[in-house]
Amino acid sequence: MSEILILVLLFVGAIVVLFLKDYLSRPPQAPGSTDRGANQKELELTIEELARYDGVKNKNIYVALKNVIFDVTKSEHYNPVDGSYRIFNGKDASVALGKMKLDNPEYFNSYATTKLSPGEQSILDDWYGRYMMKYPVIGKIVTDKKHE
């Protein structure tokens, strides 16, 4: 096995361990549930608006996958100072997670414009399922705000 493959496998393993540790420490909730009240409507945010929810500019922390916005505020892994997943804060992480390449800024906020291979789409679908089971859905990404 090449050294690069071993490093990639270690990196992926570390992410899985961190995710499972956080997942197992959370109380159970209904899949895709939301903490929002019945009178609050689903958020519709553009990518630019989503960026405000990074835990620094706003106390809430949101991450989007496949145009669905999740509230990850309560997870220590998204802490804006030292959280292991803080790179996702306020971003659409779909392409970065699908490609498993977190070091390229072009892979963030590019779900609408980047084509994923079938294998990458499968990886993204797996991450999406995990987020649906773990974090409240609070809205969706829109490309343009409709004038009401």
N, C-alpha and C. Protein backbone atom coordinates (compact mmCIF):
# COMPACT_ATOMS: atom_id res chain seq x y z
N MET A 1 0.83 -1.17 0.00
CA MET A 1 0.00 0.00 0.00
C MET A 1 0.88 1.24 0.00
N SER A 2 0.48 2.21 -0.76
CA SER A 2 1.29 3.43 -0.81
C SER A 2 1.08 4.25 0.46
N GLU A 3 2.04 5.09 0.74
CA GLU A 3 1.96 5.92 1.94
C GLU A 3 0.79 6.89 1.85
N ILE A 4 0.48 7.39 0.66
CA ILE A 4 -0.62 8.33 0.50
C ILE A 4 -1.95 7.65 0.81
N LEU A 5 -2.13 6.42 0.33
CA LEU A 5 -3.36 5.69 0.60
C LEU A 5 -3.52 5.46 2.10
N ILE A 6 -2.46 5.12 2.77
CA ILE A 6 -2.52 4.91 4.22
C ILE A 6 -2.92 6.20 4.92
N LEU A 7 -2.34 7.32 4.50
CA LEU A 7 -2.70 8.61 5.11
C LEU A 7 -4.16 8.96 4.86
N VAL A 8 -4.65 8.71 3.65
CA VAL A 8 -6.05 8.98 3.34
C VAL A 8 -6.96 8.12 4.21
N LEU A 9 -6.63 6.83 4.33
CA LEU A 9 -7.44 5.94 5.15
C LEU A 9 -7.43 6.37 6.62
N LEU A 10 -6.29 6.81 7.12
CA LEU A 10 -6.22 7.31 8.50
C LEU A 10 -7.07 8.56 8.67
N PHE A 11 -7.02 9.46 7.69
CA PHE A 11 -7.80 10.69 7.74
C PHE A 11 -9.30 10.37 7.76
N VAL A 12 -9.74 9.51 6.85
CA VAL A 12 -11.15 9.14 6.78
C VAL A 12 -11.56 8.43 8.08
N GLY A 13 -10.72 7.56 8.58
CA GLY A 13 -11.00 6.87 9.84
C GLY A 13 -11.15 7.84 10.99
N ALA A 14 -10.28 8.86 11.05
CA ALA A 14 -10.37 9.85 12.12
C ALA A 14 -11.68 10.62 12.05
N ILE A 15 -12.11 10.98 10.84
CA ILE A 15 -13.38 11.70 10.69
C ILE A 15 -14.54 10.82 11.14
N VAL A 16 -14.51 9.55 10.76
CA VAL A 16 -15.58 8.63 11.15
C VAL A 16 -15.61 8.47 12.66
N VAL A 17 -14.47 8.33 13.30
CA VAL A 17 -14.41 8.19 14.76
C VAL A 17 -14.97 9.43 15.44
N LEU A 18 -14.57 10.61 14.98
CA LEU A 18 -15.09 11.85 15.56
C LEU A 18 -16.60 11.96 15.38
N PHE A 19 -17.07 11.61 14.20
CA PHE A 19 -18.50 11.67 13.93
C PHE A 19 -19.25 10.71 14.84
N LEU A 20 -18.77 9.47 14.95
CA LEU A 20 -19.45 8.48 15.79
C LEU A 20 -19.42 8.87 17.26
N LYS A 21 -18.31 9.43 17.71
CA LYS A 21 -18.21 9.87 19.10
C LYS A 21 -19.27 10.92 19.40
N ASP A 22 -19.39 11.89 18.50
CA ASP A 22 -20.39 12.94 18.69
C ASP A 22 -21.79 12.37 18.56
N TYR A 23 -22.01 11.50 17.61
CA TYR A 23 -23.32 10.91 17.37
C TYR A 23 -23.80 10.11 18.58
N LEU A 24 -22.93 9.31 19.13
CA LEU A 24 -23.31 8.45 20.26
C LEU A 24 -23.53 9.23 21.54
N SER A 25 -22.97 10.45 21.62
CA SER A 25 -23.13 11.25 22.83
C SER A 25 -24.39 12.10 22.81
N ARG A 26 -25.15 12.10 21.71
CA ARG A 26 -26.36 12.93 21.60
C ARG A 26 -27.60 12.13 21.99
N PRO A 27 -28.56 12.82 22.60
CA PRO A 27 -29.83 12.13 22.88
C PRO A 27 -30.58 11.84 21.59
N PRO A 28 -31.39 10.80 21.55
CA PRO A 28 -32.11 10.46 20.32
C PRO A 28 -33.12 11.55 19.96
N GLN A 29 -33.31 11.75 18.67
CA GLN A 29 -34.33 12.66 18.16
C GLN A 29 -34.90 12.08 16.88
N ALA A 30 -36.06 12.53 16.53
CA ALA A 30 -36.69 12.04 15.30
C ALA A 30 -35.85 12.46 14.10
N PRO A 31 -35.69 11.59 13.11
CA PRO A 31 -34.91 11.94 11.92
C PRO A 31 -35.43 13.21 11.26
N GLY A 32 -34.50 14.11 10.95
CA GLY A 32 -34.85 15.34 10.28
C GLY A 32 -35.71 16.27 11.12
N SER A 33 -35.75 16.02 12.45
CA SER A 33 -36.60 16.85 13.29
C SER A 33 -36.04 18.25 13.40
N THR A 34 -36.85 19.13 13.91
CA THR A 34 -36.44 20.51 14.04
C THR A 34 -36.83 21.04 15.41
N ASP A 35 -36.03 21.94 15.95
CA ASP A 35 -36.33 22.57 17.23
C ASP A 35 -37.18 23.82 17.02
N ARG A 36 -37.49 24.15 15.81
CA ARG A 36 -38.24 25.36 15.51
C ARG A 36 -39.70 25.17 15.90
N GLY A 37 -40.30 26.23 16.38
CA GLY A 37 -41.70 26.19 16.78
C GLY A 37 -42.62 26.00 15.59
N ALA A 38 -43.85 25.62 15.87
CA ALA A 38 -44.82 25.37 14.80
C ALA A 38 -45.12 26.63 13.99
N ASN A 39 -44.97 27.80 14.60
CA ASN A 39 -45.28 29.05 13.91
C ASN A 39 -44.10 29.59 13.11
N GLN A 40 -42.94 28.99 13.24
CA GLN A 40 -41.78 29.48 12.51
C GLN A 40 -41.66 28.74 11.19
N LYS A 41 -41.52 29.52 10.12
CA LYS A 41 -41.44 28.87 8.82
C LYS A 41 -39.99 28.48 8.51
N GLU A 42 -39.86 27.52 7.62
CA GLU A 42 -38.54 27.04 7.21
C GLU A 42 -37.72 28.19 6.63
N LEU A 43 -36.45 28.24 7.01
CA LEU A 43 -35.56 29.27 6.49
C LEU A 43 -35.25 29.02 5.02
N GLU A 44 -35.12 30.09 4.30
CA GLU A 44 -34.63 30.04 2.93
C GLU A 44 -33.46 31.00 2.87
N LEU A 45 -32.24 30.46 2.74
CA LEU A 45 -31.04 31.28 2.74
C LEU A 45 -30.26 31.10 1.46
N THR A 46 -29.65 32.17 1.00
CA THR A 46 -28.70 32.06 -0.09
C THR A 46 -27.37 31.61 0.51
N ILE A 47 -26.44 31.22 -0.33
CA ILE A 47 -25.10 30.83 0.14
C ILE A 47 -24.46 31.99 0.92
N GLU A 48 -24.66 33.21 0.43
CA GLU A 48 -24.08 34.38 1.10
C GLU A 48 -24.69 34.58 2.48
N GLU A 49 -25.98 34.35 2.61
CA GLU A 49 -26.64 34.47 3.92
C GLU A 49 -26.23 33.35 4.86
N LEU A 50 -26.07 32.15 4.32
CA LEU A 50 -25.63 31.01 5.13
C LEU A 50 -24.29 31.31 5.80
N ALA A 51 -23.42 32.03 5.13
CA ALA A 51 -22.09 32.34 5.67
C ALA A 51 -22.14 33.09 6.99
N ARG A 52 -23.24 33.77 7.27
CA ARG A 52 -23.37 34.51 8.54
C ARG A 52 -23.55 33.57 9.72
N TYR A 53 -23.92 32.33 9.47
CA TYR A 53 -24.19 31.37 10.55
C TYR A 53 -22.99 30.45 10.76
N ASP A 54 -21.88 31.06 11.15
CA ASP A 54 -20.62 30.32 11.31
C ASP A 54 -20.18 30.20 12.75
N GLY A 55 -21.00 30.69 13.69
CA GLY A 55 -20.64 30.64 15.11
C GLY A 55 -19.81 31.82 15.55
N VAL A 56 -19.39 32.65 14.62
CA VAL A 56 -18.61 33.85 14.94
C VAL A 56 -19.48 35.09 14.70
N LYS A 57 -19.96 35.23 13.48
CA LYS A 57 -20.83 36.37 13.13
C LYS A 57 -22.21 36.21 13.75
N ASN A 58 -22.59 35.00 14.07
CA ASN A 58 -23.89 34.67 14.63
C ASN A 58 -23.68 33.49 15.57
N LYS A 59 -24.39 33.45 16.68
CA LYS A 59 -24.18 32.34 17.62
C LYS A 59 -24.64 31.00 17.08
N ASN A 60 -25.56 31.01 16.13
CA ASN A 60 -26.02 29.76 15.53
C ASN A 60 -25.03 29.30 14.47
N ILE A 61 -24.93 27.98 14.33
CA ILE A 61 -24.02 27.39 13.33
C ILE A 61 -24.83 26.48 12.43
N TYR A 62 -24.82 26.81 11.14
CA TYR A 62 -25.56 26.04 10.16
C TYR A 62 -24.59 25.48 9.11
N VAL A 63 -24.90 24.28 8.65
CA VAL A 63 -24.15 23.63 7.57
C VAL A 63 -25.18 23.10 6.58
N ALA A 64 -24.89 23.24 5.30
CA ALA A 64 -25.80 22.74 4.27
C ALA A 64 -25.20 21.55 3.55
N LEU A 65 -26.06 20.59 3.24
CA LEU A 65 -25.73 19.44 2.38
C LEU A 65 -26.88 19.25 1.43
N LYS A 66 -26.58 19.16 0.14
CA LYS A 66 -27.61 18.91 -0.88
C LYS A 66 -28.74 19.94 -0.78
N ASN A 67 -28.37 21.20 -0.54
CA ASN A 67 -29.31 22.32 -0.45
C ASN A 67 -30.23 22.28 0.76
N VAL A 68 -29.95 21.42 1.72
CA VAL A 68 -30.71 21.35 2.97
C VAL A 68 -29.82 21.92 4.07
N ILE A 69 -30.39 22.80 4.90
CA ILE A 69 -29.63 23.44 5.96
C ILE A 69 -29.89 22.74 7.29
N PHE A 70 -28.80 22.38 7.97
CA PHE A 70 -28.85 21.71 9.26
C PHE A 70 -28.33 22.65 10.34
N ASP A 71 -28.96 22.59 11.51
CA ASP A 71 -28.49 23.35 12.66
C ASP A 71 -27.56 22.45 13.48
N VAL A 72 -26.27 22.78 13.45
CA VAL A 72 -25.25 21.98 14.15
C VAL A 72 -24.72 22.71 15.38
N THR A 73 -25.44 23.75 15.81
CA THR A 73 -24.99 24.63 16.89
C THR A 73 -24.62 23.86 18.15
N LYS A 74 -25.37 22.86 18.50
CA LYS A 74 -25.17 22.15 19.78
C LYS A 74 -24.02 21.15 19.77
N SER A 75 -23.45 20.89 18.62
CA SER A 75 -22.35 19.92 18.53
C SER A 75 -21.01 20.59 18.81
N GLU A 76 -20.27 20.03 19.73
CA GLU A 76 -18.94 20.57 20.06
C GLU A 76 -17.97 20.51 18.89
N HIS A 77 -18.23 19.64 17.93
CA HIS A 77 -17.33 19.49 16.79
C HIS A 77 -17.38 20.67 15.83
N TYR A 78 -18.40 21.52 15.97
CA TYR A 78 -18.51 22.69 15.11
C TYR A 78 -18.14 23.98 15.84
N ASN A 79 -17.58 23.86 17.04
CA ASN A 79 -17.14 25.03 17.79
C ASN A 79 -16.23 25.86 16.89
N PRO A 80 -16.51 27.17 16.74
CA PRO A 80 -15.74 27.98 15.79
C PRO A 80 -14.27 28.18 16.17
N VAL A 81 -13.92 27.89 17.40
CA VAL A 81 -12.53 28.08 17.83
C VAL A 81 -11.70 26.82 17.61
N ASP A 82 -12.20 25.68 18.08
CA ASP A 82 -11.38 24.48 18.03
C ASP A 82 -12.14 23.22 17.61
N GLY A 83 -13.33 23.38 17.07
CA GLY A 83 -14.11 22.23 16.64
C GLY A 83 -13.48 21.53 15.44
N SER A 84 -13.50 20.22 15.46
CA SER A 84 -12.86 19.46 14.39
C SER A 84 -13.57 19.63 13.04
N TYR A 85 -14.85 20.02 13.04
CA TYR A 85 -15.59 20.22 11.80
C TYR A 85 -15.85 21.70 11.51
N ARG A 86 -15.17 22.61 12.20
CA ARG A 86 -15.45 24.05 12.06
C ARG A 86 -15.25 24.57 10.63
N ILE A 87 -14.50 23.86 9.83
CA ILE A 87 -14.30 24.27 8.44
C ILE A 87 -15.62 24.28 7.66
N PHE A 88 -16.63 23.53 8.13
CA PHE A 88 -17.93 23.47 7.47
C PHE A 88 -18.87 24.61 7.87
N ASN A 89 -18.57 25.29 8.96
CA ASN A 89 -19.49 26.28 9.52
C ASN A 89 -19.88 27.35 8.51
N GLY A 90 -21.19 27.53 8.35
CA GLY A 90 -21.70 28.57 7.47
C GLY A 90 -21.50 28.28 5.99
N LYS A 91 -21.32 27.01 5.64
CA LYS A 91 -21.03 26.66 4.25
C LYS A 91 -21.88 25.50 3.78
N ASP A 92 -21.95 25.35 2.48
CA ASP A 92 -22.49 24.14 1.87
C ASP A 92 -21.29 23.22 1.67
N ALA A 93 -21.27 22.12 2.41
CA ALA A 93 -20.13 21.20 2.40
C ALA A 93 -20.35 19.99 1.49
N SER A 94 -21.35 20.02 0.64
CA SER A 94 -21.72 18.87 -0.18
C SER A 94 -20.56 18.32 -1.01
N VAL A 95 -19.97 19.17 -1.82
CA VAL A 95 -18.92 18.71 -2.73
C VAL A 95 -17.67 18.30 -1.96
N ALA A 96 -17.30 19.08 -0.94
CA ALA A 96 -16.11 18.75 -0.14
C ALA A 96 -16.26 17.37 0.50
N LEU A 97 -17.43 17.07 1.04
CA LEU A 97 -17.64 15.76 1.66
C LEU A 97 -17.76 14.67 0.61
N GLY A 98 -18.45 14.94 -0.50
CA GLY A 98 -18.58 13.94 -1.56
C GLY A 98 -17.23 13.54 -2.13
N LYS A 99 -16.36 14.51 -2.30
CA LYS A 99 -15.03 14.24 -2.84
C LYS A 99 -14.03 13.87 -1.74
N MET A 100 -14.45 14.06 -0.47
CA MET A 100 -13.57 13.81 0.70
C MET A 100 -12.29 14.62 0.56
N LYS A 101 -12.43 15.86 0.11
CA LYS A 101 -11.30 16.77 -0.03
C LYS A 101 -11.67 18.07 0.67
N LEU A 102 -11.18 18.20 1.88
CA LEU A 102 -11.56 19.34 2.71
C LEU A 102 -10.57 20.49 2.62
N ASP A 103 -9.50 20.30 1.87
CA ASP A 103 -8.45 21.31 1.82
C ASP A 103 -8.56 22.24 0.62
N ASN A 104 -9.60 22.07 -0.19
CA ASN A 104 -9.77 22.90 -1.38
C ASN A 104 -10.99 23.80 -1.21
N PRO A 105 -10.79 25.11 -1.04
CA PRO A 105 -11.93 26.02 -0.83
C PRO A 105 -12.93 26.03 -1.99
N GLU A 106 -12.49 25.64 -3.18
CA GLU A 106 -13.40 25.59 -4.32
C GLU A 106 -14.48 24.52 -4.16
N TYR A 107 -14.28 23.57 -3.27
CA TYR A 107 -15.25 22.50 -3.06
C TYR A 107 -16.34 22.88 -2.06
N PHE A 108 -16.23 24.05 -1.45
CA PHE A 108 -17.28 24.52 -0.57
C PHE A 108 -18.18 25.47 -1.33
N ASN A 109 -19.47 25.42 -1.03
CA ASN A 109 -20.46 26.31 -1.64
C ASN A 109 -20.55 26.14 -3.16
N SER A 110 -20.25 24.95 -3.66
CA SER A 110 -20.27 24.75 -5.11
C SER A 110 -21.18 23.59 -5.54
N TYR A 111 -22.13 23.20 -4.67
CA TYR A 111 -23.00 22.06 -4.99
C TYR A 111 -23.80 22.30 -6.27
N ALA A 112 -24.25 23.52 -6.48
CA ALA A 112 -25.07 23.82 -7.65
C ALA A 112 -24.29 23.78 -8.96
N THR A 113 -22.98 23.92 -8.87
CA THR A 113 -22.18 24.05 -10.10
C THR A 113 -21.18 22.92 -10.32
N THR A 114 -21.06 22.00 -9.40
CA THR A 114 -20.05 20.94 -9.51
C THR A 114 -20.72 19.59 -9.69
N LYS A 115 -20.29 18.86 -10.70
CA LYS A 115 -20.81 17.53 -10.97
C LYS A 115 -19.98 16.52 -10.18
N LEU A 116 -20.65 15.66 -9.45
CA LEU A 116 -19.98 14.60 -8.71
C LEU A 116 -20.07 13.30 -9.49
N SER A 117 -19.02 12.48 -9.37
CA SER A 117 -19.05 11.15 -9.98
C SER A 117 -20.06 10.30 -9.21
N PRO A 118 -20.49 9.17 -9.75
CA PRO A 118 -21.42 8.31 -9.01
C PRO A 118 -20.87 7.88 -7.65
N GLY A 119 -19.59 7.60 -7.58
CA GLY A 119 -18.99 7.22 -6.29
C GLY A 119 -19.00 8.37 -5.30
N GLU A 120 -18.68 9.57 -5.79
CA GLU A 120 -18.70 10.75 -4.92
C GLU A 120 -20.13 11.06 -4.47
N GLN A 121 -21.09 10.89 -5.37
CA GLN A 121 -22.49 11.12 -5.00
C GLN A 121 -22.93 10.15 -3.93
N SER A 122 -22.47 8.91 -4.02
CA SER A 122 -22.79 7.90 -3.02
C SER A 122 -22.23 8.28 -1.65
N ILE A 123 -21.00 8.78 -1.64
CA ILE A 123 -20.39 9.24 -0.38
C ILE A 123 -21.20 10.40 0.19
N LEU A 124 -21.56 11.36 -0.67
CA LEU A 124 -22.37 12.49 -0.21
C LEU A 124 -23.71 12.02 0.33
N ASP A 125 -24.35 11.08 -0.35
CA ASP A 125 -25.64 10.56 0.11
C ASP A 125 -25.51 9.93 1.49
N ASP A 126 -24.39 9.26 1.75
CA ASP A 126 -24.14 8.66 3.05
C ASP A 126 -24.03 9.75 4.13
N TRP A 127 -23.24 10.78 3.85
CA TRP A 127 -23.11 11.91 4.79
C TRP A 127 -24.46 12.57 5.03
N TYR A 128 -25.23 12.76 3.96
CA TYR A 128 -26.54 13.39 4.07
C TYR A 128 -27.45 12.58 5.00
N GLY A 129 -27.45 11.28 4.84
CA GLY A 129 -28.25 10.41 5.72
C GLY A 129 -27.84 10.54 7.17
N ARG A 130 -26.55 10.65 7.42
CA ARG A 130 -26.05 10.82 8.80
C ARG A 130 -26.53 12.14 9.38
N TYR A 131 -26.43 13.20 8.59
CA TYR A 131 -26.88 14.51 9.06
C TYR A 131 -28.39 14.50 9.32
N MET A 132 -29.16 13.86 8.45
CA MET A 132 -30.62 13.79 8.63
C MET A 132 -30.99 13.09 9.94
N MET A 133 -30.20 12.10 10.31
CA MET A 133 -30.48 11.37 11.55
C MET A 133 -30.02 12.13 12.78
N LYS A 134 -29.06 13.02 12.62
CA LYS A 134 -28.40 13.61 13.77
C LYS A 134 -28.77 15.06 14.06
N TYR A 135 -29.00 15.86 13.05
CA TYR A 135 -29.18 17.30 13.23
C TYR A 135 -30.53 17.78 12.73
N PRO A 136 -31.08 18.79 13.39
CA PRO A 136 -32.36 19.34 12.94
C PRO A 136 -32.23 20.03 11.59
N VAL A 137 -33.21 19.81 10.74
CA VAL A 137 -33.29 20.52 9.46
C VAL A 137 -34.02 21.83 9.73
N ILE A 138 -33.42 22.95 9.31
CA ILE A 138 -34.05 24.23 9.61
C ILE A 138 -34.37 25.03 8.35
N GLY A 139 -33.99 24.52 7.19
CA GLY A 139 -34.29 25.27 5.98
C GLY A 139 -33.64 24.69 4.75
N LYS A 140 -33.58 25.55 3.72
CA LYS A 140 -32.98 25.12 2.46
C LYS A 140 -32.23 26.28 1.82
N ILE A 141 -31.31 25.93 0.94
CA ILE A 141 -30.55 26.91 0.17
C ILE A 141 -31.37 27.31 -1.04
N VAL A 142 -31.43 28.59 -1.29
CA VAL A 142 -32.10 29.11 -2.47
C VAL A 142 -31.09 29.92 -3.27
N THR A 143 -31.26 29.96 -4.57
CA THR A 143 -30.32 30.72 -5.39
C THR A 143 -30.66 32.18 -5.44
N ASP A 144 -31.93 32.49 -5.24
CA ASP A 144 -32.37 33.88 -5.31
C ASP A 144 -33.56 34.05 -4.40
N LYS A 145 -33.61 35.18 -3.72
CA LYS A 145 -34.74 35.46 -2.85
C LYS A 145 -35.93 35.93 -3.70
N LYS A 146 -37.10 35.37 -3.42
CA LYS A 146 -38.31 35.81 -4.10
C LYS A 146 -38.84 37.03 -3.38
N HIS A 147 -39.25 37.99 -4.12
CA HIS A 147 -39.83 39.20 -3.52
C HIS A 147 -41.27 38.90 -3.12
N GLU A 148 -41.55 39.07 -1.86
CA GLU A 148 -42.90 38.75 -1.35
C GLU A 148 -43.75 39.98 -1.27
